[in-house]
Amino acid sequence: MDRDIFAGLIKLHILYHASKEKIFGLWIIEELRRHGYELSPGTLYPILHRMEKRGYLNSEKEIVKGKTRRVYSITAPGKEMLTEAKSKVRELFGELFEDDGN
């Protein structure tokens, strides 16, 4: 898989799922794997940190079964970005599948 090509899709998955509920690293790794993406924690966590630094996600620590877990939720700018991205994905989807010959 060419990570450069799929990096944007991975971020959209993250924003989408964070818009539905709080997410955490291992869960999103497993969810992305279900969609055919293989990410290690060393790849995912820098993505989450950059998205938080850009204001698309917030994180907080939660205690789960006696262990600390960092959970992420979408912010208002993250929701705006997701809405804008959905529009762009719809447009691209239409172009990609207009010609059934490919």
C-alpha atoms as a PDB file:
ATOM      1  CA  MET A   1       0.000   0.000   0.000  1.00  0.00           C
ATOM      2  CA  ASP A   2       1.276   3.467  -0.850  1.00  0.00           C
ATOM      3  CA  ARG A   3       0.793   5.387   2.400  1.00  0.00           C
ATOM      4  CA  ASP A   4       1.175   8.728   0.640  1.00  0.00           C
ATOM      5  CA  ILE A   5      -1.878   8.004  -1.517  1.00  0.00           C
ATOM      6  CA  PHE A   6      -4.001   6.614   1.324  1.00  0.00           C
ATOM      7  CA  ALA A   7      -2.941   9.043   4.094  1.00  0.00           C
ATOM      8  CA  GLY A   8      -5.899  11.340   3.481  1.00  0.00           C
ATOM      9  CA  LEU A   9      -8.363   8.460   3.555  1.00  0.00           C
ATOM     10  CA  ILE A  10      -6.934   7.265   6.863  1.00  0.00           C
ATOM     11  CA  LYS A  11      -7.414  10.734   8.340  1.00  0.00           C
ATOM     12  CA  LEU A  12     -10.988  10.823   7.052  1.00  0.00           C
ATOM     13  CA  HIS A  13     -11.674   7.467   8.731  1.00  0.00           C
ATOM     14  CA  ILE A  14     -10.296   8.902  11.964  1.00  0.00           C
ATOM     15  CA  LEU A  15     -12.422  12.058  11.737  1.00  0.00           C
ATOM     16  CA  TYR A  16     -15.530  10.074  10.811  1.00  0.00           C
ATOM     17  CA  HIS A  17     -15.218   7.641  13.718  1.00  0.00           C
ATOM     18  CA  ALA A  18     -14.271  10.415  16.163  1.00  0.00           C
ATOM     19  CA  SER A  19     -17.456  12.213  15.100  1.00  0.00           C
ATOM     20  CA  LYS A  20     -19.508   9.184  16.182  1.00  0.00           C
ATOM     21  CA  GLU A  21     -17.808   8.379  19.500  1.00  0.00           C
ATOM     22  CA  LYS A  22     -14.555   8.737  21.378  1.00  0.00           C
ATOM     23  CA  ILE A  23     -11.798   6.659  19.806  1.00  0.00           C
ATOM     24  CA  PHE A  24      -8.453   5.340  21.017  1.00  0.00           C
ATOM     25  CA  GLY A  25      -5.344   4.098  19.268  1.00  0.00           C
ATOM     26  CA  LEU A  26      -5.722   0.324  19.380  1.00  0.00           C
ATOM     27  CA  TRP A  27      -9.392   0.520  18.411  1.00  0.00           C
ATOM     28  CA  ILE A  28      -8.711   2.723  15.373  1.00  0.00           C
ATOM     29  CA  ILE A  29      -5.808   0.460  14.311  1.00  0.00           C
ATOM     30  CA  GLU A  30      -8.202  -2.503  14.370  1.00  0.00           C
ATOM     31  CA  GLU A  31     -10.935  -0.541  12.583  1.00  0.00           C
ATOM     32  CA  LEU A  32      -8.529   0.592   9.865  1.00  0.00           C
ATOM     33  CA  ARG A  33      -7.278  -2.996   9.487  1.00  0.00           C
ATOM     34  CA  ARG A  34     -10.884  -4.034   8.858  1.00  0.00           C
ATOM     35  CA  HIS A  35     -10.781  -1.658   5.870  1.00  0.00           C
ATOM     36  CA  GLY A  36      -7.469  -3.018   4.577  1.00  0.00           C
ATOM     37  CA  TYR A  37      -5.062  -0.511   6.137  1.00  0.00           C
ATOM     38  CA  GLU A  38      -2.133  -1.878   8.145  1.00  0.00           C
ATOM     39  CA  LEU A  39      -0.835   0.767  10.544  1.00  0.00           C
ATOM     40  CA  SER A  40       1.482   0.315  13.462  1.00  0.00           C
ATOM     41  CA  PRO A  41       1.168   2.412  16.610  1.00  0.00           C
ATOM     42  CA  GLY A  42       4.365   4.175  15.497  1.00  0.00           C
ATOM     43  CA  THR A  43       2.539   5.338  12.363  1.00  0.00           C
ATOM     44  CA  LEU A  44      -0.884   6.036  13.865  1.00  0.00           C
ATOM     45  CA  TYR A  45       0.023   8.038  16.957  1.00  0.00           C
ATOM     46  CA  PRO A  46       1.952  10.740  15.081  1.00  0.00           C
ATOM     47  CA  ILE A  47      -1.095  11.121  12.799  1.00  0.00           C
ATOM     48  CA  LEU A  48      -3.394  11.517  15.815  1.00  0.00           C
ATOM     49  CA  HIS A  49      -1.006  13.996  17.441  1.00  0.00           C
ATOM     50  CA  ARG A  50      -0.770  16.094  14.253  1.00  0.00           C
ATOM     51  CA  MET A  51      -4.556  16.094  13.894  1.00  0.00           C
ATOM     52  CA  GLU A  52      -4.844  17.241  17.505  1.00  0.00           C
ATOM     53  CA  LYS A  53      -2.184  19.923  17.005  1.00  0.00           C
ATOM     54  CA  ARG A  54      -4.107  21.209  13.953  1.00  0.00           C
ATOM     55  CA  GLY A  55      -7.252  21.433  16.061  1.00  0.00           C
ATOM     56  CA  TYR A  56      -9.279  18.623  14.451  1.00  0.00           C
ATOM     57  CA  LEU A  57      -9.197  16.360  17.521  1.00  0.00           C
ATOM     58  CA  ASN A  58      -9.109  16.776  21.295  1.00  0.00           C
ATOM     59  CA  SER A  59      -7.658  14.150  23.567  1.00  0.00           C
ATOM     60  CA  GLU A  60      -8.056  13.340  27.195  1.00  0.00           C
ATOM     61  CA  LYS A  61      -6.891  10.591  29.475  1.00  0.00           C
ATOM     62  CA  GLU A  62      -9.333   8.021  30.778  1.00  0.00           C
ATOM     63  CA  ILE A  63      -8.747   5.223  33.247  1.00  0.00           C
ATOM     64  CA  VAL A  64      -9.923   1.865  31.862  1.00  0.00           C
ATOM     65  CA  LYS A  65      -9.446  -1.269  33.973  1.00  0.00           C
ATOM     66  CA  GLY A  66      -6.815   0.524  36.023  1.00  0.00           C
ATOM     67  CA  LYS A  67      -4.817   1.671  32.987  1.00  0.00           C
ATOM     68  CA  THR A  68      -4.598   5.122  31.469  1.00  0.00           C
ATOM     69  CA  ARG A  69      -5.864   5.409  27.895  1.00  0.00           C
ATOM     70  CA  ARG A  70      -5.765   8.522  25.709  1.00  0.00           C
ATOM     71  CA  VAL A  71      -9.088   8.962  23.914  1.00  0.00           C
ATOM     72  CA  TYR A  72      -9.796  11.328  21.050  1.00  0.00           C
ATOM     73  CA  SER A  73     -12.940  13.198  20.044  1.00  0.00           C
ATOM     74  CA  ILE A  74     -13.656  15.482  17.124  1.00  0.00           C
ATOM     75  CA  THR A  75     -13.639  19.274  17.571  1.00  0.00           C
ATOM     76  CA  ALA A  76     -15.803  21.888  15.832  1.00  0.00           C
ATOM     77  CA  PRO A  77     -13.032  22.562  13.251  1.00  0.00           C
ATOM     78  CA  GLY A  78     -12.730  18.787  12.800  1.00  0.00           C
ATOM     79  CA  LYS A  79     -16.462  18.558  12.074  1.00  0.00           C
ATOM     80  CA  GLU A  80     -16.161  21.374   9.545  1.00  0.00           C
ATOM     81  CA  MET A  81     -13.232  19.630   7.864  1.00  0.00           C
ATOM     82  CA  LEU A  82     -15.157  16.347   7.762  1.00  0.00           C
ATOM     83  CA  THR A  83     -18.162  18.061   6.159  1.00  0.00           C
ATOM     84  CA  GLU A  84     -15.942  19.707   3.544  1.00  0.00           C
ATOM     85  CA  ALA A  85     -14.093  16.441   2.898  1.00  0.00           C
ATOM     86  CA  LYS A  86     -17.376  14.534   2.414  1.00  0.00           C
ATOM     87  CA  SER A  87     -18.298  16.963  -0.337  1.00  0.00           C
ATOM     88  CA  LYS A  88     -14.928  16.489  -2.038  1.00  0.00           C
ATOM     89  CA  VAL A  89     -15.127  12.692  -1.698  1.00  0.00           C
ATOM     90  CA  ARG A  90     -18.633  12.668  -3.258  1.00  0.00           C
ATOM     91  CA  GLU A  91     -17.331  14.704  -6.178  1.00  0.00           C
ATOM     92  CA  LEU A  92     -14.305  12.441  -6.657  1.00  0.00           C
ATOM     93  CA  PHE A  93     -16.408   9.298  -6.273  1.00  0.00           C
ATOM     94  CA  GLY A  94     -18.647  10.518  -9.102  1.00  0.00           C
ATOM     95  CA  GLU A  95     -15.658  11.124 -11.351  1.00  0.00           C
ATOM     96  CA  LEU A  96     -13.973   7.832 -10.504  1.00  0.00           C
ATOM     97  CA  PHE A  97     -17.048   5.795 -11.349  1.00  0.00           C
ATOM     98  CA  GLU A  98     -18.618   7.779 -14.204  1.00  0.00           C
ATOM     99  CA  ASP A  99     -16.726   5.717 -16.772  1.00  0.00           C
ATOM    100  CA  ASP A 100     -17.639   2.071 -16.080  1.00  0.00           C
ATOM    101  CA  GLY A 101     -14.949   0.958 -18.536  1.00  0.00           C
ATOM    102  CA  ASN A 102     -12.166   1.348 -15.956  1.00  0.00           C
END
